[in-house]
Protein backbone atom coordinates (compact mmCIF):
# COMPACT_ATOMS: atom_id res chain seq x y z
CA MET A 1 24.42 24.79 14.81
CA MET A 2 20.93 24.58 16.30
CA LEU A 3 19.38 25.52 12.93
CA ASN A 4 21.22 22.63 11.28
CA LYS A 5 19.80 20.17 13.83
CA ILE A 6 16.29 21.53 13.38
CA THR A 7 16.57 21.28 9.60
CA LEU A 8 17.89 17.71 9.80
CA ILE A 9 15.16 16.56 12.19
CA SER A 10 12.44 18.27 10.14
CA THR A 11 13.66 16.67 6.93
CA LEU A 12 13.79 13.21 8.51
CA LEU A 13 10.28 13.56 9.96
CA PHE A 14 8.93 14.81 6.64
CA PHE A 15 10.29 11.80 4.76
CA LEU A 16 9.20 9.31 7.42
CA ILE A 17 5.64 10.64 7.53
CA GLY A 18 5.51 11.22 3.77
CA SER A 19 6.72 7.72 2.87
CA GLN A 20 3.81 6.19 4.76
CA VAL A 21 1.28 8.21 2.76
CA PHE A 22 3.09 8.00 -0.58
CA ALA A 23 3.27 4.19 -0.31
CA HIS A 24 -0.45 3.73 -0.97
CA SER A 25 -1.47 2.47 -4.40
CA HIS A 26 -3.97 4.70 -6.19
CA LEU A 27 -5.96 4.20 -9.36
CA ALA A 28 -3.85 5.47 -12.25
CA GLU A 29 -6.09 4.69 -15.23
CA SER A 30 -9.33 2.89 -16.07
CA THR A 31 -11.38 1.72 -19.04
CA PRO A 32 -14.02 3.06 -18.93
CA LYS A 33 -12.93 6.34 -17.35
CA ASN A 34 -14.71 7.99 -14.44
CA GLY A 35 -17.89 9.71 -15.69
CA GLU A 36 -17.35 8.56 -19.30
CA VAL A 37 -20.32 8.19 -21.66
CA LEU A 38 -19.79 5.12 -23.84
CA ILE A 39 -21.26 5.18 -27.33
CA GLU A 40 -19.60 1.88 -28.33
CA PRO A 41 -20.26 -1.52 -26.72
CA LEU A 42 -17.98 -2.27 -23.76
CA LYS A 43 -16.31 -5.69 -23.78
CA THR A 44 -13.47 -5.44 -21.25
CA ILE A 45 -13.04 -3.49 -18.01
CA SER A 46 -9.46 -2.55 -17.15
CA LEU A 47 -8.20 -0.89 -13.93
CA SER A 48 -4.53 0.11 -13.62
CA PHE A 49 -2.99 1.10 -10.28
CA GLU A 50 0.28 2.81 -9.31
CA THR A 51 1.80 -0.32 -7.72
CA ASP A 52 1.42 -4.08 -7.97
CA LEU A 53 -1.64 -5.62 -6.30
CA GLU A 54 -2.26 -8.58 -4.02
CA PRO A 55 -4.25 -11.55 -5.45
CA THR A 56 -7.31 -10.76 -3.28
CA SER A 57 -7.90 -7.49 -5.19
CA THR A 58 -11.16 -7.47 -7.15
CA PHE A 59 -14.00 -5.38 -8.61
CA THR A 60 -17.69 -5.73 -9.42
CA LEU A 61 -19.96 -3.97 -11.91
CA VAL A 62 -23.43 -2.84 -10.81
CA ASN A 63 -26.25 -1.06 -12.62
CA SER A 64 -28.19 1.96 -11.31
CA ASN A 65 -30.40 -0.35 -9.21
CA GLY A 66 -27.34 -1.89 -7.50
CA THR A 67 -27.75 -5.22 -9.29
CA ALA A 68 -24.46 -6.97 -10.10
CA ILE A 69 -23.75 -7.46 -13.81
CA PRO A 70 -22.24 -10.84 -14.74
CA LEU A 71 -18.62 -10.72 -15.84
CA SER A 72 -15.69 -13.10 -15.92
CA GLU A 73 -13.66 -13.49 -12.74
CA PRO A 74 -11.32 -10.46 -12.67
CA THR A 75 -7.75 -11.42 -13.55
CA LEU A 76 -4.71 -9.81 -12.00
CA GLU A 77 -1.68 -8.88 -14.08
CA GLY A 78 0.86 -6.99 -11.94
CA ASN A 79 -0.77 -3.61 -11.29
CA GLN A 80 -3.79 -4.25 -13.51
CA LEU A 81 -7.22 -5.81 -12.90
CA LEU A 82 -9.09 -7.04 -16.00
CA GLY A 83 -12.62 -8.38 -16.44
CA THR A 84 -14.63 -9.40 -19.51
CA LEU A 85 -18.37 -8.78 -19.78
CA GLU A 86 -20.52 -11.83 -20.48
CA GLU A 87 -23.30 -9.81 -22.13
CA GLU A 88 -23.55 -6.46 -23.90
CA LEU A 89 -24.59 -3.66 -21.57
CA LEU A 90 -27.91 -1.92 -22.14
CA ASN A 91 -28.16 1.85 -22.11
CA GLY A 92 -28.04 3.20 -18.58
CA ASP A 93 -25.82 4.16 -15.65
CA TYR A 94 -23.27 1.73 -14.20
CA THR A 95 -20.63 1.76 -11.46
CA ILE A 96 -17.42 -0.25 -11.11
CA GLN A 97 -16.83 -0.90 -7.40
CA TRP A 98 -13.19 -1.86 -6.76
CA LYS A 99 -11.41 -3.12 -3.65
CA ILE A 100 -7.68 -3.66 -3.77
CA ILE A 101 -4.79 -4.46 -1.48
CA GLY A 102 -1.50 -2.97 -2.63
CA THR A 103 1.89 -4.52 -2.05
CA ASP A 104 2.19 -2.17 0.94
CA GLY A 105 -0.65 -4.14 2.60
CA HIS A 106 -3.12 -1.24 2.70
CA GLN A 107 -6.67 -1.88 1.54
CA LEU A 108 -8.25 0.76 -0.68
CA GLU A 109 -11.59 0.95 -2.44
CA GLY A 110 -13.40 3.25 -4.81
CA ASP A 111 -16.10 3.65 -7.43
CA ILE A 112 -15.97 4.49 -11.13
CA PRO A 113 -19.36 5.62 -12.46
CA PHE A 114 -19.99 5.63 -16.21
CA THR A 115 -22.91 5.68 -18.63
CA VAL A 116 -23.71 3.50 -21.63
CA GLN A 117 -25.52 5.44 -24.35
CA LEU A 118 -25.44 3.33 -27.49
CA THR A 119 -26.99 4.79 -30.62
CA GLU A 120 -29.69 2.92 -32.53
CA SER A 121 -27.16 1.67 -35.09
CA THR A 122 -24.88 0.16 -32.43
CA THR A 123 -27.67 -1.35 -30.33
CA SER A 124 -27.97 -5.03 -31.09
CA ILE A 125 -31.16 -6.08 -32.83
CA LYS A 126 -33.03 -8.72 -30.87
CA GLY A 127 -36.17 -10.62 -31.65
CA SER A 128 -38.05 -11.14 -34.86
CA GLU A 129 -41.68 -11.44 -35.86
CA THR A 130 -43.25 -13.57 -38.55
CA VAL A 131 -45.75 -11.62 -40.63
CA GLU A 132 -47.96 -13.20 -43.25
CA SER A 133 -48.59 -11.27 -46.43
CA ASN A 134 -50.36 -12.92 -49.37
CA GLY A 135 -49.92 -16.36 -47.84
CA GLN A 136 -46.10 -16.02 -47.53
CA ALA A 137 -44.24 -15.98 -44.27
CA THR A 138 -41.70 -13.18 -43.97
CA GLU A 139 -39.49 -12.15 -41.08
CA GLU A 140 -39.30 -8.61 -39.82
CA GLU A 141 -36.60 -7.56 -37.44
CA THR A 142 -37.76 -5.76 -34.36
CA PRO A 143 -35.14 -3.49 -32.85
CA GLU A 144 -34.90 -3.42 -29.10
CA PRO A 145 -36.22 -0.09 -27.80
CA ILE A 146 -33.58 2.36 -26.66
CA LYS A 147 -33.87 3.33 -23.04
CA GLU A 148 -34.44 7.04 -22.50
CA MET A 149 -31.54 8.72 -20.74
CA THR A 150 -31.90 11.04 -17.82
CA SER A 151 -29.94 14.25 -17.99
CA GLU A 152 -27.30 14.00 -15.28
CA PRO A 153 -24.18 16.11 -15.11
CA LEU A 154 -21.30 14.29 -16.77
CA ALA A 155 -18.60 15.92 -14.65
CA LYS A 156 -18.24 13.70 -11.58
CA THR A 157 -15.44 13.91 -9.06
CA ASP A 158 -12.75 11.30 -9.55
CA GLU A 159 -12.29 9.96 -6.04
CA SER A 160 -9.05 8.28 -6.93
CA GLN A 161 -7.54 11.57 -8.14
CA ASP A 162 -8.74 13.30 -4.96
CA ALA A 163 -7.11 10.59 -2.86
CA SER A 164 -3.91 10.93 -4.88
CA ILE A 165 -3.81 14.71 -4.37
CA LYS A 166 -4.44 14.27 -0.64
CA ALA A 167 -1.58 11.78 -0.49
CA TYR A 168 0.82 14.54 -1.56
CA VAL A 169 -0.76 17.52 0.16
CA VAL A 170 -1.16 16.02 3.64
CA PRO A 171 2.53 15.15 4.19
CA GLY A 172 3.53 18.51 2.70
CA VAL A 173 1.32 20.39 5.14
CA ILE A 174 2.53 18.25 8.07
CA GLY A 175 6.14 18.86 7.05
CA LEU A 176 5.55 22.63 6.88
CA ILE A 177 3.92 22.63 10.32
CA ILE A 178 6.87 20.73 11.78
CA ILE A 179 9.38 23.10 10.17
CA LEU A 180 7.45 26.16 11.38
CA GLY A 181 7.24 24.67 14.88
CA PHE A 182 10.99 24.05 15.03
CA THR A 183 11.72 27.50 13.59
CA CYS A 184 9.54 29.20 16.23
CA TYR A 185 11.21 27.14 18.94
CA TRP A 186 14.64 28.12 17.63
CA PHE A 187 13.80 31.85 17.62
CA ILE A 188 12.40 31.66 21.16
CA PHE A 189 15.45 29.69 22.33
CA LYS A 190 17.81 32.18 20.68
CA ARG A 191 16.07 35.20 22.30
CA LYS A 192 16.22 33.65 25.78
CA HIS A 193 19.95 32.96 25.46
CA ALA A 194 20.89 36.24 23.79
C-alpha cells in the first residue's frame, strides 16, 4: 500500500518537474548549420525551433570583428525565423546570434558560428581596369582577392543540442533522486514497524 503511494507521488512529481523543462523551445535546425563551412554563396538564413515563436523573436548576423551584417528584417513563420542577406558574404567567420521567446513565454538565446570559404570560381568578380594597348582601350577584369583562412577546428559544440540534452537529462535525474528518496524512506519506515 505504502509502495503504491510512493510510486504515485514520484510519478506525479516527475511529470510536473519534467513538463516545465520539456516545455522550452530549442533550436531544431538551421541553415547554415552550426560550424558549417559554406563553399556556395549564402542568400537566406533559416532557423527552425521545436515550438511556435512569439513575434519579438529575432536574430542578427555578425562577422569575426562583431560588426553586424545587413540583412532584411527577420520574418516569423510559425516556428521558423527567416532572413535574407542584402549583400554576398566575403570569406571569413560569422556568427548568427538568436534570441527567441517560445509560446511557453521563456526567453532563450544562442549562437550559430559558421565559415564562408568561397572558391575563386564562386567569388564574385568586382572592379575592372582600362588598359591601353596599341591605342585601343580594353577592359580587364580584376578578381577580388580571396581572404586567407585561418585553420580553426571545424567541430564546434552545438549549444542548442547541449541545451536539448540537458532538458531531458535534468528531469530524469531529479525523478530518479525522488524515487530513490521515497524508496529509502519506505525501507526505513518498514523496518521500524516490523
